[in-house]
Protein backbone atom coordinates (compact mmCIF):
# COMPACT_ATOMS: atom_id res chain seq x y z
CA MET A 1 98.96 94.12 96.51
CA HIS A 2 101.72 91.57 97.15
CA CYS A 3 105.39 92.60 96.92
CA LYS A 4 108.43 90.51 95.97
CA ASN A 5 109.67 90.58 99.56
CA ASN A 6 106.46 88.84 100.78
CA LEU A 7 104.91 91.99 102.21
CA ASP A 8 101.20 92.51 101.76
CA ILE A 9 100.11 96.11 101.21
CA ASP A 10 96.53 97.29 101.55
CA PHE A 11 96.20 100.73 99.94
CA TYR A 12 93.00 102.81 99.73
CA GLU A 13 92.26 106.32 98.50
CA MET A 14 90.30 107.71 101.46
CA ASP A 15 89.65 111.20 102.76
CA SER A 16 89.91 110.06 106.38
CA MET A 17 90.21 107.06 108.65
CA LYS A 18 86.52 107.54 109.51
CA ASP A 19 85.62 107.22 105.83
CA PHE A 20 87.64 104.02 105.76
CA ALA A 21 85.68 102.72 108.77
CA VAL A 22 82.42 103.46 106.94
CA LEU A 23 83.69 101.63 103.85
CA LEU A 24 84.63 98.54 105.86
CA VAL A 25 81.21 98.40 107.52
CA GLU A 26 79.42 98.92 104.20
CA GLU A 27 81.48 96.18 102.53
CA GLY A 28 80.65 93.70 105.29
CA ALA A 29 84.02 93.49 107.03
CA PHE A 30 82.16 93.14 110.33
CA ASP A 31 79.85 90.15 110.10
CA GLY A 32 76.39 90.34 111.60
CA ILE A 33 75.75 94.07 111.26
CA THR A 34 72.21 94.51 109.99
CA GLU A 35 70.69 97.61 108.40
CA SER A 36 68.62 98.16 111.54
CA ILE A 37 71.68 98.71 113.77
CA ILE A 38 73.96 100.56 111.36
CA LYS A 39 72.69 103.92 112.63
CA TYR A 40 74.10 103.09 116.08
CA ILE A 41 77.66 102.39 114.93
CA ASP A 42 80.37 104.66 116.32
CA TYR A 43 82.52 105.16 113.22
CA ASP A 44 84.90 107.46 115.11
CA ALA A 45 85.66 104.63 117.55
CA ILE A 46 86.24 102.18 114.70
CA ALA A 47 88.54 104.73 113.04
CA ARG A 48 90.59 105.06 116.24
CA ASP A 49 90.92 101.27 116.42
CA LEU A 50 91.97 101.09 112.77
CA GLU A 51 94.82 103.51 113.47
CA ALA A 52 96.56 100.67 115.34
CA ASP A 53 97.01 98.79 112.04
CA TYR A 54 96.61 101.41 109.31
CA SER A 55 98.37 104.69 108.56
CA GLU A 56 97.50 107.71 106.45
CA ILE A 57 99.61 109.63 103.97
CA GLU A 58 98.93 112.50 101.58
CA ILE A 59 100.47 112.35 98.12
CA ALA A 60 99.85 115.09 95.57
CA ASP A 61 96.85 116.44 97.52
CA THR A 62 95.27 112.98 97.75
CA ASN A 63 94.90 111.18 101.07
CA TYR A 64 95.59 107.44 101.28
CA THR A 65 95.06 104.86 104.01
CA TYR A 66 97.41 101.90 103.99
CA ARG A 67 98.68 98.89 105.90
CA ILE A 68 101.84 96.89 105.34
CA SER A 69 102.01 93.41 106.83
């Protein structure tokens, strides 16, 4: 999403930051991850790293992950 004031907003309906980490890996956000090494990925660690750039909010009993840049 792009706003009039030139802010970019990434907005996802996610139950948790860990679920968001899983989504990013599954969608190929991290190049070079093959099916054979996916079972070794520490999604909790990725989720903690994502918290530096993304935030979570609950609206009407639905959890969202978002980033404004």
